[in-house]
Amino acid sequence: MNNVLPANPKHWLLPVLSGILIGTSYIPFPPWASLFCFVPLWLFWNQQTQLKDVILGGLITAFVFTLIGFNWVTYLLHEFAHLDWPVAVFGMLFYALIAHLYVPLAGLLWLLGQRKFKWPERLSLGLMAIITILCEAYSFTLFDWNFGYSWYGANIPVYQWAEFIGFSGLSAATLLCNLPLYIAWQKRRQNSGKIILAAVIAGFLLLNMGGLWLKARLPQPDATFTTLLIQASTENSEKMAAELGKGYSKEILNRYITLTNNALNGHKDKKIDFAMWPETAFPGLLGEQFIDNALPIALAEFLHEKQLPLITGAYSVDEQSRLITNSLFVLNNNGEIVPPHYSKTILLAFGEYIPGEQFFPAIRDWLPQTGHFARGAGPTRLLNWNGYKMGAQICYESLFPGFSRSLAQLGAQFIVNVTNDSWYGSWQEPYQHMYMTLARGIEFRRPVLRVTNTGVSTVSLASGKILEQSPIHQPWAGLYEVPYLKTPPVTFYQNWFWLIPGLLWGTLVLLLATGLKKRQ
């Protein structure tokens, strides 16, 4: 390594450049720099001898790309936490500082290992790459983003390989491509550098051609259903008032009923198998113990009159703990609840529960306004109704591939996801969240139905094709004819879910063992 002391501010331009390249490769941007976005940071790391400079360089990169790729957190803090804009901006800056600490952690681990074991240059570069990939894969974050989703967001066919390695595997492969491009940059004045660059480009083109082939060879669906998605675009203030018993409940229910009724009248020539309303769309408690309440009665009467089955999000109560649940219900064409309903399992920290509260109950006294929800039983059963086998997800449960894999293992024919993204603005997060949700359908080759309060509501097919997308923050209704397989095949990723993590950890062990052998 060269001994370069970054006293000159220009020395920090490389970490800043990496941050810009990473941030502008996140959805809604195209992944234009994903294959080389870490190269400037790695070049910087490889020039340093001081631990503090390596850590600070990683912090700068993470800070910059978080500001670019996740600036919707500012809107969230203003809308959800009711912070004034200056305070929300300060909160965003703090979030950018701590949200992606895996970057400086990767630099810290790499330099400590380099100091202790004196790895040769090529081995050191390989370990720098694999440590970065593993730190990214196992980073702790509330929004489990990875570098594979951007390929889907840009509709670049390489995303079809998620059927084999998942989007987390695509993310690892994307970061791994930074290594040969790092070497190509170092040898840019030599023929070997040009050859490496050409090989990466050729390999990327071949993978995209393979992605097109993977899509074309999918089995033809053997069944279809027609669904009606309803997006009411209810304001947060109205939803909060309804949840606190301060009004708007009847108005919200009437809004959903009116939108649904108008859509039915506009599609009288279509047989609609079921309608879907978003997360907590029903503005009251729902469940067998509440069927005699006014709002459930009004809903049942509407469904009975229209002979329309419905899947809707609603609050309920867990009988054992007596806590509120965030649930998903199926009601038949007579307005009767079809058991069992599903309750959200992966709760939002500091929104639906307080981390550590079960060990330190006093925390609840410090944060009394934080939601206190009961957890569901997880992906342990399907919503079975009218011959359909539906995998239920609520909100960001879709971000966890293991959750959807369990639904696929149970035989889900398609996934139904209800979400409320009204807290995040209209530019970045709704689209990031949408693609992350629909990605599960490619990994396990099943359609995904996603209905939200404010958008984006849509349907994706097993091929990854995304049908009509709803507008943002507008009332809307969309009719979809969805082809599906009654018995979906098991994907390679479903069977070999732990293959990529195993290969990554195995590669790390192999490289470390190689380093020890060379040192001896």
Protein backbone atom coordinates (compact mmCIF):
# COMPACT_ATOMS: atom_id res chain seq x y z
CA MET A 1 0.00 0.00 0.00
CA ASN A 2 1.11 3.55 -0.67
CA ASN A 3 1.54 5.81 2.32
CA VAL A 4 -0.74 8.70 1.41
CA LEU A 5 -1.90 10.94 4.22
CA PRO A 6 -5.28 12.50 3.29
CA ALA A 7 -4.56 15.94 4.74
CA ASN A 8 -5.51 17.60 1.45
CA PRO A 9 -9.31 17.76 0.99
CA LYS A 10 -8.85 16.44 -2.55
CA HIS A 11 -7.94 13.08 -1.09
CA TRP A 12 -11.54 12.68 0.08
CA LEU A 13 -12.92 13.07 -3.42
CA LEU A 14 -12.68 9.33 -4.07
CA PRO A 15 -15.02 8.35 -1.21
CA VAL A 16 -17.37 11.17 -2.24
CA LEU A 17 -17.30 9.91 -5.83
CA SER A 18 -18.17 6.38 -4.71
CA GLY A 19 -21.08 7.77 -2.71
CA ILE A 20 -22.39 9.63 -5.76
CA LEU A 21 -22.00 6.59 -8.02
CA ILE A 22 -23.81 4.31 -5.56
CA GLY A 23 -26.60 6.77 -4.75
CA THR A 24 -27.35 7.60 -8.38
CA SER A 25 -27.58 3.89 -9.18
CA TYR A 26 -30.51 3.34 -6.80
CA ILE A 27 -34.11 3.26 -7.96
CA PRO A 28 -35.54 5.49 -9.45
CA PHE A 29 -32.16 6.04 -11.16
CA PRO A 30 -30.88 3.37 -13.59
CA PRO A 31 -28.02 1.20 -12.28
CA TRP A 32 -25.53 2.93 -14.56
CA ALA A 33 -22.60 2.73 -12.12
CA SER A 34 -23.45 -0.39 -10.11
CA LEU A 35 -20.64 -2.47 -11.62
CA PHE A 36 -17.91 0.02 -10.66
CA CYS A 37 -19.41 2.21 -7.91
CA PHE A 38 -17.09 0.88 -5.16
CA VAL A 39 -13.92 1.22 -7.23
CA PRO A 40 -13.10 4.81 -6.11
CA LEU A 41 -13.57 3.90 -2.44
CA TRP A 42 -11.43 0.77 -2.78
CA LEU A 43 -8.73 2.83 -4.50
CA PHE A 44 -8.85 5.24 -1.56
CA TRP A 45 -8.69 2.44 1.01
CA ASN A 46 -5.72 0.88 -0.71
CA GLN A 47 -3.82 4.17 -0.41
CA GLN A 48 -4.26 4.51 3.36
CA THR A 49 -2.26 3.32 6.33
CA GLN A 50 -4.27 5.02 9.08
CA LEU A 51 -7.32 3.17 10.43
CA LYS A 52 -9.20 6.41 11.07
CA ASP A 53 -8.82 7.46 7.42
CA VAL A 54 -10.18 4.16 6.14
CA ILE A 55 -13.17 4.38 8.51
CA LEU A 56 -13.81 8.04 7.68
CA GLY A 57 -13.63 7.31 3.96
CA GLY A 58 -16.26 4.59 4.38
CA LEU A 59 -18.44 6.92 6.44
CA ILE A 60 -18.24 9.62 3.76
CA THR A 61 -19.27 7.18 1.03
CA ALA A 62 -22.19 5.81 3.06
CA PHE A 63 -23.28 9.31 4.08
CA VAL A 64 -23.36 10.57 0.49
CA PHE A 65 -25.19 7.61 -1.06
CA THR A 66 -27.73 7.54 1.76
CA LEU A 67 -28.52 11.22 1.21
CA ILE A 68 -29.04 10.55 -2.50
CA GLY A 69 -30.75 7.16 -2.41
CA PHE A 70 -32.85 7.47 0.75
CA ASN A 71 -33.66 11.17 1.12
CA TRP A 72 -37.34 10.19 1.49
CA VAL A 73 -36.52 9.68 5.18
CA THR A 74 -36.77 13.47 5.50
CA TYR A 75 -40.40 13.38 4.35
CA LEU A 76 -41.06 10.40 6.63
CA LEU A 77 -39.79 12.27 9.69
CA HIS A 78 -41.91 15.29 8.81
CA GLU A 79 -45.08 13.34 7.97
CA PHE A 80 -44.93 10.44 10.42
CA ALA A 81 -43.04 11.93 13.36
CA HIS A 82 -44.58 15.42 12.82
CA LEU A 83 -41.18 17.11 13.00
CA ASP A 84 -40.67 20.57 11.59
CA TRP A 85 -38.77 20.58 8.30
CA PRO A 86 -35.47 21.85 9.77
CA VAL A 87 -35.58 19.15 12.44
CA ALA A 88 -36.53 16.54 9.83
CA VAL A 89 -33.54 17.57 7.72
CA PHE A 90 -31.27 17.21 10.76
CA GLY A 91 -32.79 13.78 11.38
CA MET A 92 -32.05 12.84 7.78
CA LEU A 93 -28.42 13.88 8.20
CA PHE A 94 -28.14 11.76 11.34
CA TYR A 95 -29.79 8.81 9.56
CA ALA A 96 -27.34 9.16 6.66
CA LEU A 97 -24.50 8.97 9.15
CA ILE A 98 -25.61 5.69 10.77
CA ALA A 99 -27.80 3.92 8.21
CA HIS A 100 -25.09 2.06 6.31
CA LEU A 101 -22.27 1.50 8.73
CA TYR A 102 -21.43 -1.71 6.89
CA VAL A 103 -19.22 0.38 4.56
CA PRO A 104 -16.77 1.69 7.18
CA LEU A 105 -17.02 -1.67 8.97
CA ALA A 106 -15.83 -3.43 5.80
CA GLY A 107 -12.87 -1.06 5.57
CA LEU A 108 -12.05 -1.55 9.24
CA LEU A 109 -12.06 -5.37 9.01
CA TRP A 110 -10.04 -5.36 5.81
CA LEU A 111 -7.30 -3.03 7.11
CA LEU A 112 -7.02 -4.88 10.43
CA GLY A 113 -6.55 -8.13 8.53
CA GLN A 114 -4.07 -6.51 6.16
CA ARG A 115 -2.02 -5.19 9.05
CA LYS A 116 -1.95 -8.47 10.90
CA PHE A 117 -1.39 -10.92 8.03
CA LYS A 118 0.39 -8.79 5.41
CA TRP A 119 -1.67 -10.18 2.52
CA PRO A 120 -0.15 -9.99 -0.97
CA GLU A 121 -1.73 -7.36 -3.22
CA ARG A 122 -4.02 -9.63 -5.26
CA LEU A 123 -5.19 -11.53 -2.20
CA SER A 124 -5.75 -8.26 -0.38
CA LEU A 125 -7.97 -6.98 -3.21
CA GLY A 126 -9.98 -10.20 -3.23
CA LEU A 127 -10.52 -10.00 0.51
CA MET A 128 -11.46 -6.32 0.26
CA ALA A 129 -14.21 -7.26 -2.21
CA ILE A 130 -15.55 -10.31 -0.34
CA ILE A 131 -15.53 -8.51 3.03
CA THR A 132 -17.48 -5.61 1.50
CA ILE A 133 -20.00 -8.03 -0.02
CA LEU A 134 -20.52 -9.92 3.23
CA CYS A 135 -20.81 -6.74 5.29
CA GLU A 136 -23.45 -5.46 2.86
CA ALA A 137 -25.33 -8.76 2.89
CA TYR A 138 -25.52 -8.91 6.68
CA SER A 139 -25.89 -5.21 7.44
CA PHE A 140 -28.57 -4.19 9.90
CA THR A 141 -31.07 -1.79 8.36
CA LEU A 142 -34.79 -1.08 8.62
CA PHE A 143 -35.07 -0.99 4.82
CA ASP A 144 -33.33 -4.11 3.53
CA TRP A 145 -32.11 -2.74 0.22
CA ASN A 146 -29.55 -4.49 -1.99
CA PHE A 147 -27.81 -3.82 -5.30
CA GLY A 148 -29.81 -6.43 -7.24
CA TYR A 149 -33.11 -4.55 -7.24
CA SER A 150 -31.91 -1.75 -9.53
CA TRP A 151 -31.56 -4.17 -12.45
CA TYR A 152 -35.25 -4.98 -12.11
CA GLY A 153 -36.12 -1.31 -11.71
CA ALA A 154 -34.42 -0.58 -15.04
CA ASN A 155 -35.92 -3.70 -16.69
CA ILE A 156 -32.46 -5.03 -17.58
CA PRO A 157 -32.90 -8.79 -18.25
CA VAL A 158 -30.05 -9.87 -15.97
CA TYR A 159 -32.61 -9.71 -13.12
CA GLN A 160 -34.14 -12.97 -14.40
CA TRP A 161 -31.23 -14.85 -12.82
CA ALA A 162 -32.84 -14.14 -9.45
CA GLU A 163 -34.72 -17.40 -10.06
CA PHE A 164 -31.39 -19.12 -9.35
CA ILE A 165 -29.51 -16.85 -6.94
CA GLY A 166 -32.12 -14.43 -5.63
CA PHE A 167 -31.76 -10.67 -5.67
CA SER A 168 -29.30 -10.92 -2.80
CA GLY A 169 -27.16 -13.11 -5.07
CA LEU A 170 -27.50 -10.57 -7.86
CA SER A 171 -26.36 -7.93 -5.40
CA ALA A 172 -23.29 -9.96 -4.47
CA ALA A 173 -22.48 -10.58 -8.13
CA THR A 174 -22.87 -6.87 -8.89
CA LEU A 175 -20.43 -5.90 -6.14
CA LEU A 176 -18.05 -8.66 -7.18
CA CYS A 177 -17.88 -7.17 -10.69
CA ASN A 178 -16.32 -4.10 -9.10
CA LEU A 179 -13.15 -6.16 -8.52
CA PRO A 180 -12.15 -6.86 -12.14
CA LEU A 181 -13.10 -3.30 -13.07
CA TYR A 182 -10.85 -2.08 -10.24
CA ILE A 183 -8.00 -4.08 -11.78
CA ALA A 184 -8.93 -2.86 -15.27
CA TRP A 185 -8.68 0.73 -14.04
CA GLN A 186 -5.28 0.10 -12.48
CA LYS A 187 -4.06 -1.44 -15.76
CA ARG A 188 -5.95 0.93 -18.04
CA ARG A 189 -2.77 1.82 -19.97
CA GLN A 190 -1.97 -1.84 -20.59
CA ASN A 191 -3.58 -4.33 -22.95
CA SER A 192 -4.46 -6.56 -20.00
CA GLY A 193 -6.65 -3.81 -18.56
CA LYS A 194 -8.52 -3.43 -21.84
CA ILE A 195 -8.98 -7.21 -22.04
CA ILE A 196 -10.42 -7.36 -18.52
CA LEU A 197 -12.83 -4.52 -19.32
CA ALA A 198 -13.94 -6.24 -22.53
CA ALA A 199 -14.41 -9.53 -20.68
CA VAL A 200 -16.67 -7.89 -18.06
CA ILE A 201 -18.75 -6.20 -20.77
CA ALA A 202 -19.04 -9.44 -22.76
CA GLY A 203 -19.99 -11.40 -19.67
CA PHE A 204 -22.64 -8.85 -18.76
CA LEU A 205 -24.12 -9.02 -22.27
CA LEU A 206 -24.17 -12.83 -22.16
CA LEU A 207 -25.93 -12.79 -18.79
CA ASN A 208 -28.59 -10.49 -20.20
CA MET A 209 -29.08 -12.74 -23.20
CA GLY A 210 -29.41 -15.62 -20.77
CA GLY A 211 -31.99 -13.59 -18.84
CA LEU A 212 -34.10 -13.26 -21.97
CA TRP A 213 -33.87 -17.01 -22.49
CA LEU A 214 -34.86 -17.72 -18.90
CA LYS A 215 -37.97 -15.60 -19.34
CA ALA A 216 -38.89 -17.23 -22.66
CA ARG A 217 -38.63 -20.77 -21.35
CA LEU A 218 -41.09 -20.31 -18.45
CA PRO A 219 -44.07 -22.74 -18.49
CA GLN A 220 -47.37 -21.37 -19.77
CA PRO A 221 -49.98 -20.61 -17.07
CA ASP A 222 -52.90 -23.02 -16.82
CA ALA A 223 -55.41 -20.78 -15.01
CA THR A 224 -56.45 -17.12 -14.66
CA PHE A 225 -58.42 -14.96 -12.26
CA THR A 226 -59.67 -11.38 -12.42
CA THR A 227 -59.02 -9.03 -9.54
CA LEU A 228 -59.94 -5.44 -8.77
CA LEU A 229 -57.39 -3.35 -6.86
CA ILE A 230 -58.71 -0.29 -4.99
CA GLN A 231 -56.45 2.59 -3.96
CA ALA A 232 -58.34 5.22 -1.96
CA SER A 233 -55.40 7.56 -1.25
CA THR A 234 -56.64 8.30 2.27
CA GLU A 235 -54.78 11.15 3.97
CA ASN A 236 -52.63 10.25 6.97
CA SER A 237 -54.51 12.73 9.17
CA GLU A 238 -57.81 11.01 8.36
CA LYS A 239 -56.41 7.53 8.99
CA MET A 240 -54.92 8.63 12.32
CA ALA A 241 -58.20 10.23 13.38
CA ALA A 242 -60.12 7.06 12.50
CA GLU A 243 -57.63 4.87 14.38
CA LEU A 244 -57.89 7.08 17.46
CA GLY A 245 -61.68 7.08 17.35
CA LYS A 246 -61.89 10.78 16.44
CA GLY A 247 -63.99 10.47 13.31
CA TYR A 248 -63.57 9.80 9.59
CA SER A 249 -64.25 6.05 9.92
CA LYS A 250 -67.56 6.16 8.05
CA GLU A 251 -66.12 8.56 5.48
CA ILE A 252 -63.16 6.29 4.77
CA LEU A 253 -65.33 3.18 4.43
CA ASN A 254 -67.74 5.04 2.14
CA ARG A 255 -64.80 6.15 0.02
CA TYR A 256 -63.65 2.56 -0.51
CA ILE A 257 -67.19 1.35 -1.16
CA THR A 258 -67.83 4.15 -3.66
CA LEU A 259 -64.57 3.53 -5.53
CA THR A 260 -65.28 -0.20 -5.62
CA ASN A 261 -68.87 0.29 -6.73
CA ASN A 262 -67.88 2.70 -9.50
CA ALA A 263 -65.28 0.24 -10.76
CA LEU A 264 -67.85 -2.58 -10.73
CA ASN A 265 -70.25 -0.43 -12.73
CA GLY A 266 -67.48 0.35 -15.20
CA HIS A 267 -66.72 -3.34 -15.72
CA LYS A 268 -70.17 -4.91 -15.79
CA ASP A 269 -69.08 -7.17 -18.64
CA LYS A 270 -66.34 -8.73 -16.46
CA LYS A 271 -66.65 -11.46 -13.86
CA ILE A 272 -64.50 -10.24 -10.98
CA ASP A 273 -63.22 -13.05 -8.78
CA PHE A 274 -62.27 -10.78 -5.87
CA ALA A 275 -61.34 -7.22 -4.97
CA MET A 276 -58.38 -6.08 -2.85
CA TRP A 277 -58.12 -3.15 -0.44
CA PRO A 278 -54.78 -2.02 1.10
CA GLU A 279 -53.17 -2.40 4.53
CA THR A 280 -55.56 -1.29 7.33
CA ALA A 281 -57.96 0.01 4.67
CA PHE A 282 -61.00 -1.06 6.66
CA PRO A 283 -61.33 1.77 9.24
CA GLY A 284 -62.38 -0.32 12.23
CA LEU A 285 -61.76 -3.59 14.01
CA LEU A 286 -62.50 -6.69 11.97
CA GLY A 287 -62.88 -10.29 13.11
CA GLU A 288 -65.51 -12.75 14.28
CA GLN A 289 -65.86 -10.93 17.62
CA PHE A 290 -66.70 -7.65 15.83
CA ILE A 291 -69.19 -8.81 13.16
CA ASP A 292 -72.10 -7.10 14.94
CA ASN A 293 -70.42 -3.68 14.92
CA ALA A 294 -71.76 -1.02 12.58
CA LEU A 295 -68.82 -0.83 10.14
CA PRO A 296 -68.44 -4.61 9.63
CA ILE A 297 -72.19 -4.84 9.08
CA ALA A 298 -72.05 -2.08 6.44
CA LEU A 299 -69.16 -3.82 4.68
CA ALA A 300 -70.91 -7.20 4.75
CA GLU A 301 -74.11 -5.70 3.31
CA PHE A 302 -72.21 -4.09 0.43
CA LEU A 303 -70.34 -7.30 -0.42
CA HIS A 304 -73.54 -9.35 -0.20
CA GLU A 305 -75.40 -6.92 -2.44
CA LYS A 306 -72.64 -6.93 -5.06
CA GLN A 307 -71.77 -10.62 -4.60
CA LEU A 308 -68.15 -9.54 -4.41
CA PRO A 309 -65.44 -11.36 -2.43
CA LEU A 310 -62.86 -9.07 -0.81
CA ILE A 311 -59.33 -9.26 0.57
CA THR A 312 -58.67 -6.32 2.87
CA GLY A 313 -56.26 -5.10 5.47
CA ALA A 314 -57.77 -4.22 8.86
CA TYR A 315 -56.92 -4.01 12.52
CA SER A 316 -58.04 -6.83 14.76
CA VAL A 317 -57.33 -8.09 18.29
CA ASP A 318 -55.22 -11.06 19.31
CA GLU A 319 -57.39 -13.16 21.61
CA GLN A 320 -54.50 -14.37 23.76
CA SER A 321 -52.59 -11.14 24.39
CA ARG A 322 -55.53 -8.76 23.79
CA LEU A 323 -53.17 -6.58 21.73
CA ILE A 324 -54.06 -4.99 18.40
CA THR A 325 -52.97 -6.84 15.25
CA ASN A 326 -52.30 -5.55 11.74
CA SER A 327 -54.18 -8.20 9.79
CA LEU A 328 -55.35 -9.37 6.38
CA PHE A 329 -58.85 -10.81 5.96
CA VAL A 330 -60.72 -12.68 3.24
CA LEU A 331 -64.48 -12.09 3.05
CA ASN A 332 -66.66 -14.15 0.71
CA ASN A 333 -69.35 -12.84 -1.62
CA ASN A 334 -71.85 -12.84 1.25
CA GLY A 335 -69.60 -10.62 3.39
CA GLU A 336 -68.67 -13.48 5.73
CA ILE A 337 -65.13 -13.74 7.08
CA VAL A 338 -63.29 -16.77 5.72
CA PRO A 339 -60.92 -18.14 8.39
CA PRO A 340 -58.10 -18.06 9.03
CA HIS A 341 -57.02 -14.46 8.66
CA TYR A 342 -53.34 -13.49 8.66
CA SER A 343 -51.68 -11.07 11.10
CA LYS A 344 -48.45 -9.23 10.39
CA THR A 345 -45.42 -10.96 11.86
CA ILE A 346 -42.44 -8.76 10.94
CA LEU A 347 -43.36 -5.58 12.77
CA LEU A 348 -41.92 -2.12 12.19
CA ALA A 349 -39.47 -1.16 14.95
CA PHE A 350 -40.57 1.96 16.87
CA GLY A 351 -43.77 2.01 14.83
CA GLU A 352 -45.47 -1.24 15.84
CA TYR A 353 -43.21 -2.39 18.69
CA ILE A 354 -40.25 -1.27 20.78
CA PRO A 355 -37.11 -3.42 20.40
CA GLY A 356 -36.11 -5.03 23.69
CA GLU A 357 -39.43 -4.26 25.40
CA GLN A 358 -39.96 -7.91 26.30
CA PHE A 359 -36.75 -7.80 28.36
CA PHE A 360 -37.07 -4.23 29.69
CA PRO A 361 -40.79 -3.37 30.00
CA ALA A 362 -39.92 0.05 31.42
CA ILE A 363 -39.01 1.18 27.90
CA ARG A 364 -42.72 1.42 27.18
CA ASP A 365 -42.98 4.21 29.79
CA TRP A 366 -40.31 6.20 27.96
CA LEU A 367 -42.02 5.85 24.55
CA PRO A 368 -45.73 5.68 25.32
CA GLN A 369 -46.82 6.83 21.86
CA THR A 370 -45.15 3.89 20.10
CA GLY A 371 -47.51 1.26 18.74
CA HIS A 372 -47.89 -2.00 20.67
CA PHE A 373 -48.98 -4.76 18.31
CA ALA A 374 -49.21 -8.52 18.66
CA ARG A 375 -47.19 -10.58 16.19
CA GLY A 376 -48.80 -13.06 13.87
CA ALA A 377 -47.78 -16.68 13.45
CA GLY A 378 -45.59 -15.98 10.42
CA PRO A 379 -45.75 -17.65 7.00
CA THR A 380 -47.11 -20.91 8.43
CA ARG A 381 -50.38 -21.16 6.50
CA LEU A 382 -51.97 -19.87 3.33
CA LEU A 383 -55.20 -18.05 2.71
CA ASN A 384 -57.18 -20.89 1.15
CA TRP A 385 -60.40 -19.75 -0.46
CA ASN A 386 -62.40 -20.66 -3.57
CA GLY A 387 -59.62 -23.00 -4.68
CA TYR A 388 -56.96 -20.29 -4.53
CA LYS A 389 -53.83 -20.79 -2.44
CA MET A 390 -52.68 -17.28 -1.55
CA GLY A 391 -49.52 -16.29 0.24
CA ALA A 392 -50.24 -13.32 2.50
CA GLN A 393 -47.81 -10.46 3.18
CA ILE A 394 -48.33 -7.12 4.86
CA CYS A 395 -46.17 -4.14 3.96
CA TYR A 396 -42.43 -4.70 4.18
CA GLU A 397 -42.63 -8.41 4.98
CA SER A 398 -42.11 -8.64 1.22
CA LEU A 399 -38.53 -7.40 1.65
CA PHE A 400 -37.45 -10.68 3.26
CA PRO A 401 -36.92 -13.51 0.73
CA GLY A 402 -37.09 -16.17 3.45
CA PHE A 403 -40.64 -15.10 4.27
CA SER A 404 -41.78 -15.51 0.66
CA ARG A 405 -39.86 -18.77 0.36
CA SER A 406 -41.89 -20.21 3.23
CA LEU A 407 -45.09 -19.23 1.38
CA ALA A 408 -43.78 -20.91 -1.76
CA GLN A 409 -42.91 -24.03 0.25
CA LEU A 410 -46.54 -24.13 1.41
CA GLY A 411 -47.67 -24.17 -2.21
CA ALA A 412 -48.81 -20.58 -2.69
CA GLN A 413 -50.05 -20.03 -6.25
CA PHE A 414 -49.61 -16.28 -5.98
CA ILE A 415 -48.73 -13.65 -3.36
CA VAL A 416 -51.08 -10.95 -2.09
CA ASN A 417 -49.39 -7.94 -0.53
CA VAL A 418 -51.16 -5.02 1.15
CA THR A 419 -49.19 -1.89 1.97
CA ASN A 420 -49.52 1.69 3.18
CA ASP A 421 -46.73 3.86 1.75
CA SER A 422 -48.42 7.16 2.46
CA TRP A 423 -45.65 8.32 4.84
CA TYR A 424 -42.83 8.45 2.31
CA GLY A 425 -43.57 11.02 -0.36
CA SER A 426 -44.01 10.39 -4.06
CA TRP A 427 -40.58 10.13 -5.64
CA GLN A 428 -38.23 7.41 -4.36
CA GLU A 429 -39.58 5.12 -1.68
CA PRO A 430 -42.88 4.08 -3.35
CA TYR A 431 -40.93 2.82 -6.38
CA GLN A 432 -38.09 1.28 -4.37
CA HIS A 433 -40.60 -0.55 -2.18
CA MET A 434 -42.65 -1.66 -5.18
CA TYR A 435 -39.73 -3.29 -7.00
CA MET A 436 -38.47 -4.90 -3.81
CA THR A 437 -41.92 -6.43 -3.26
CA LEU A 438 -42.40 -7.62 -6.83
CA ALA A 439 -38.89 -9.12 -6.83
CA ARG A 440 -40.16 -12.02 -4.73
CA GLY A 441 -42.33 -13.10 -7.65
CA ILE A 442 -39.26 -13.59 -9.85
CA GLU A 443 -37.31 -15.51 -7.23
CA PHE A 444 -40.16 -17.99 -6.78
CA ARG A 445 -41.94 -17.54 -10.15
CA ARG A 446 -45.33 -16.53 -8.88
CA PRO A 447 -47.57 -13.52 -9.60
CA VAL A 448 -47.57 -10.80 -6.95
CA LEU A 449 -50.65 -8.63 -6.31
CA ARG A 450 -49.75 -5.40 -4.53
CA VAL A 451 -52.36 -2.88 -3.42
CA THR A 452 -51.42 0.25 -1.48
CA ASN A 453 -53.18 3.21 0.08
CA THR A 454 -51.43 5.86 -2.03
CA GLY A 455 -49.47 3.90 -4.65
CA VAL A 456 -47.82 2.18 -6.30
CA SER A 457 -50.50 -0.52 -6.70
CA THR A 458 -49.94 -3.07 -9.44
CA VAL A 459 -49.60 -6.74 -10.40
CA SER A 460 -46.46 -8.54 -11.57
CA LEU A 461 -46.48 -11.87 -13.36
CA ALA A 462 -44.20 -14.86 -12.77
CA SER A 463 -42.04 -13.61 -15.65
CA GLY A 464 -41.41 -10.34 -13.80
CA LYS A 465 -43.58 -8.38 -16.22
CA ILE A 466 -45.28 -5.50 -14.38
CA LEU A 467 -48.80 -4.64 -15.47
CA GLU A 468 -50.51 -1.25 -15.14
CA GLN A 469 -49.15 0.86 -12.28
CA SER A 470 -51.41 3.16 -10.27
CA PRO A 471 -50.72 6.89 -10.01
CA ILE A 472 -49.21 8.22 -6.78
CA HIS A 473 -51.48 9.89 -4.20
CA GLN A 474 -54.63 9.64 -6.32
CA PRO A 475 -57.82 7.60 -5.83
CA TRP A 476 -57.73 4.81 -8.38
CA ALA A 477 -59.14 1.39 -9.29
CA GLY A 478 -57.46 -1.15 -11.56
CA LEU A 479 -58.78 -4.36 -13.10
CA TYR A 480 -56.32 -7.18 -13.81
CA GLU A 481 -56.60 -10.56 -15.49
CA VAL A 482 -53.82 -12.56 -13.90
CA PRO A 483 -52.52 -15.83 -15.41
CA TYR A 484 -50.96 -18.27 -12.95
CA LEU A 485 -50.00 -21.92 -12.47
CA LYS A 486 -52.18 -24.06 -10.26
CA THR A 487 -49.07 -26.00 -9.21
CA PRO A 488 -46.06 -23.70 -9.57
CA PRO A 489 -42.70 -25.42 -10.04
CA VAL A 490 -40.04 -25.14 -7.38
CA THR A 491 -37.29 -22.74 -8.41
CA PHE A 492 -33.58 -23.42 -7.98
CA TYR A 493 -33.37 -20.53 -5.51
CA GLN A 494 -36.21 -22.01 -3.49
CA ASN A 495 -34.38 -25.35 -3.19
CA TRP A 496 -30.89 -23.91 -2.75
CA PHE A 497 -31.75 -20.85 -0.70
CA TRP A 498 -28.50 -20.91 1.31
CA LEU A 499 -26.17 -21.61 -1.63
CA ILE A 500 -24.96 -18.05 -2.24
CA PRO A 501 -24.34 -17.23 1.46
CA GLY A 502 -22.49 -20.55 1.74
CA LEU A 503 -20.34 -19.74 -1.30
CA LEU A 504 -19.54 -16.26 0.02
CA TRP A 505 -18.50 -17.50 3.44
CA GLY A 506 -16.63 -20.41 1.87
CA THR A 507 -14.74 -17.99 -0.38
CA LEU A 508 -13.81 -15.86 2.62
CA VAL A 509 -12.48 -18.88 4.51
CA LEU A 510 -10.55 -20.06 1.44
CA LEU A 511 -8.95 -16.66 0.90
CA LEU A 512 -8.04 -16.34 4.58
CA ALA A 513 -6.54 -19.84 4.54
CA THR A 514 -4.55 -18.91 1.44
CA GLY A 515 -3.25 -15.83 3.23
CA LEU A 516 -2.17 -17.86 6.24
CA LYS A 517 -0.41 -20.41 4.05
CA LYS A 518 1.49 -17.73 2.15
CA ARG A 519 2.54 -16.07 5.41
CA GLN A 520 3.85 -19.35 6.80
